[in-house]
């Protein structure tokens, strides 16, 4: 049986949706008085055929923007060579478990070379290098959940 939502429930849903945007979350769930509400941002993954955009300074994560974000991560996100995630998903540094990673710190990559894979909704999306250069920093761990716009690597 589906319970009809009243004005208070609709207000709660609206407040949760606003909180998603305000905090940069992709989903939130709450249970109150036997009513469970889950609000999810509809972020449809797309196959990456073009190079991902570099993080712009005004889109980057500030050093103290989120709990658990270190100053180093915030600075790296503001770096002009930061390559941002084009989607929400799980980052993988290798094609499969036990395989060598696509890149290491110091790796020289050519434009179009795969630097990571992001799994989104059971689809493996190869993330290409947007330009040639040297990987100076890798900002994600293998199997780490990532958000849209999160800095993945620094390409010098």
Protein backbone atom coordinates (compact mmCIF):
# COMPACT_ATOMS: atom_id res chain seq x y z
CA UNK A 1 0.00 0.00 0.00
CA UNK A 2 1.40 3.39 -0.97
CA UNK A 3 0.86 6.14 1.55
CA UNK A 4 -0.24 9.44 0.03
CA UNK A 5 2.09 12.29 0.77
CA UNK A 6 0.74 15.27 2.64
CA UNK A 7 1.92 18.86 2.56
CA UNK A 8 4.50 18.17 5.31
CA UNK A 9 5.90 15.21 3.36
CA UNK A 10 6.06 17.27 0.18
CA UNK A 11 7.91 20.01 2.09
CA UNK A 12 10.36 17.39 3.43
CA UNK A 13 10.99 16.09 -0.11
CA UNK A 14 11.54 19.64 -1.36
CA UNK A 15 13.94 20.35 1.53
CA UNK A 16 15.88 17.13 0.81
CA UNK A 17 16.16 18.06 -2.88
CA UNK A 18 17.48 21.49 -1.90
CA UNK A 19 19.96 19.84 0.48
CA UNK A 20 21.24 17.63 -2.37
CA UNK A 21 22.07 20.68 -4.44
CA UNK A 22 23.44 22.70 -1.53
CA UNK A 23 25.80 19.96 -0.33
CA UNK A 24 26.70 18.60 -3.79
CA UNK A 25 25.29 15.14 -3.05
CA UNK A 26 23.95 12.72 -5.65
CA UNK A 27 21.39 11.05 -3.37
CA UNK A 28 19.93 11.23 0.13
CA UNK A 29 17.58 8.93 2.05
CA UNK A 30 15.62 9.51 5.25
CA UNK A 31 13.17 7.43 7.28
CA UNK A 32 10.73 9.14 9.61
CA UNK A 33 7.66 7.71 11.32
CA UNK A 34 7.62 4.66 9.05
CA UNK A 35 7.90 6.78 5.89
CA UNK A 36 11.09 6.26 3.89
CA UNK A 37 12.02 8.92 1.34
CA UNK A 38 14.92 8.63 -1.07
CA UNK A 39 15.80 11.57 -3.33
CA UNK A 40 18.28 10.91 -6.16
CA UNK A 41 19.72 13.36 -8.67
CA UNK A 42 19.12 12.03 -12.16
CA UNK A 43 22.65 11.97 -13.54
CA UNK A 44 22.61 9.91 -16.69
CA UNK A 45 26.03 8.51 -17.57
CA UNK A 46 27.26 9.11 -21.06
CA UNK A 47 29.90 7.34 -23.04
CA UNK A 48 33.01 9.46 -23.09
CA UNK A 49 34.10 10.11 -26.64
CA UNK A 50 35.51 13.58 -26.16
CA UNK A 51 38.21 14.59 -23.72
CA UNK A 52 36.95 15.49 -20.24
CA UNK A 53 37.15 19.13 -19.30
CA UNK A 54 39.88 20.46 -17.08
CA UNK A 55 38.62 21.67 -13.71
CA UNK A 56 38.04 25.41 -13.79
CA UNK A 57 39.00 27.33 -10.65
CA UNK A 58 35.39 28.29 -9.92
CA UNK A 59 34.20 24.65 -10.27
CA UNK A 60 36.95 23.14 -8.14
CA UNK A 61 36.60 21.88 -4.60
CA UNK A 62 37.76 24.41 -2.05
CA UNK A 63 40.27 23.13 0.54
CA UNK A 64 37.66 23.18 3.31
CA UNK A 65 34.53 22.65 1.19
CA UNK A 66 33.63 19.19 2.43
CA UNK A 67 34.39 17.26 5.60
CA UNK A 68 37.32 14.96 5.03
CA UNK A 69 38.71 16.98 2.11
CA UNK A 70 42.33 17.79 2.88
CA UNK A 71 44.03 21.04 1.91
CA UNK A 72 46.23 19.08 -0.51
CA UNK A 73 43.16 17.68 -2.31
CA UNK A 74 41.64 21.18 -2.53
CA UNK A 75 44.84 22.64 -3.96
CA UNK A 76 45.15 19.78 -6.44
CA UNK A 77 41.57 20.33 -7.61
CA UNK A 78 42.44 23.97 -8.32
CA UNK A 79 45.54 23.02 -10.30
CA UNK A 80 45.36 24.03 -13.99
CA UNK A 81 46.43 20.52 -15.00
CA UNK A 82 43.69 18.77 -13.00
CA UNK A 83 41.53 16.43 -15.05
CA UNK A 84 37.98 16.25 -13.70
CA UNK A 85 35.64 13.29 -13.68
CA UNK A 86 32.97 13.62 -16.36
CA UNK A 87 30.55 11.49 -14.31
CA UNK A 88 29.67 9.91 -10.98
CA UNK A 89 30.89 6.35 -10.56
CA UNK A 90 33.73 4.15 -9.36
CA UNK A 91 37.27 4.83 -10.57
CA UNK A 92 39.54 1.97 -11.60
CA UNK A 93 43.21 2.43 -12.39
CA UNK A 94 43.53 -0.83 -14.38
CA UNK A 95 41.52 -2.67 -17.02
CA UNK A 96 40.87 -5.58 -14.63
CA UNK A 97 41.94 -6.79 -11.18
CA UNK A 98 45.61 -7.78 -11.19
CA UNK A 99 46.36 -5.94 -14.45
CA UNK A 100 48.97 -3.18 -14.46
CA UNK A 101 47.53 0.31 -13.95
CA UNK A 102 47.00 2.52 -17.01
CA UNK A 103 49.18 5.26 -15.47
CA UNK A 104 51.61 5.86 -12.64
CA UNK A 105 53.10 9.12 -11.35
CA UNK A 106 55.68 10.08 -13.97
CA UNK A 107 53.92 8.28 -16.84
CA UNK A 108 54.04 10.10 -20.15
CA UNK A 109 50.67 9.94 -21.93
CA UNK A 110 49.53 10.97 -25.38
CA UNK A 111 46.25 12.70 -26.11
CA UNK A 112 43.53 10.04 -26.17
CA UNK A 113 45.40 7.45 -24.08
CA UNK A 114 43.19 5.83 -21.41
CA UNK A 115 44.19 7.12 -17.97
CA UNK A 116 41.38 5.55 -15.89
CA UNK A 117 38.11 3.69 -16.19
CA UNK A 118 34.98 4.93 -14.47
CA UNK A 119 32.23 2.40 -13.90
CA UNK A 120 28.78 3.96 -13.93
CA UNK A 121 25.63 1.81 -13.93
CA UNK A 122 27.59 -1.33 -14.90
CA UNK A 123 29.17 0.45 -17.89
CA UNK A 124 32.94 0.78 -18.07
CA UNK A 125 33.82 4.24 -19.42
CA UNK A 126 37.41 4.78 -20.54
CA UNK A 127 38.65 8.24 -19.58
CA UNK A 128 41.12 9.56 -22.17
CA UNK A 129 43.94 12.04 -21.62
CA UNK A 130 42.70 15.38 -23.00
CA UNK A 131 46.24 16.29 -24.13
CA UNK A 132 49.75 14.86 -24.10
CA UNK A 133 51.84 15.31 -20.97
CA UNK A 134 53.26 13.74 -17.83
CA UNK A 135 51.17 12.51 -14.90
CA UNK A 136 52.43 14.41 -11.86
CA UNK A 137 49.81 13.24 -9.37
CA UNK A 138 47.08 10.59 -9.12
CA UNK A 139 44.29 11.79 -6.85
CA UNK A 140 42.07 8.67 -6.72
CA UNK A 141 42.57 5.14 -5.43
CA UNK A 142 41.58 2.01 -7.32
CA UNK A 143 37.91 1.26 -6.62
CA UNK A 144 37.22 4.68 -5.11
CA UNK A 145 33.73 6.19 -5.54
CA UNK A 146 33.96 9.56 -7.27
CA UNK A 147 31.66 12.48 -7.98
CA UNK A 148 31.12 14.52 -11.13
CA UNK A 149 33.82 17.21 -11.42
CA UNK A 150 36.12 15.58 -8.86
CA UNK A 151 39.80 15.92 -9.78
CA UNK A 152 41.20 12.55 -10.89
CA UNK A 153 44.81 13.25 -11.90
CA UNK A 154 47.17 16.15 -12.54
CA UNK A 155 48.56 16.20 -16.07
CA UNK A 156 51.51 18.54 -16.63
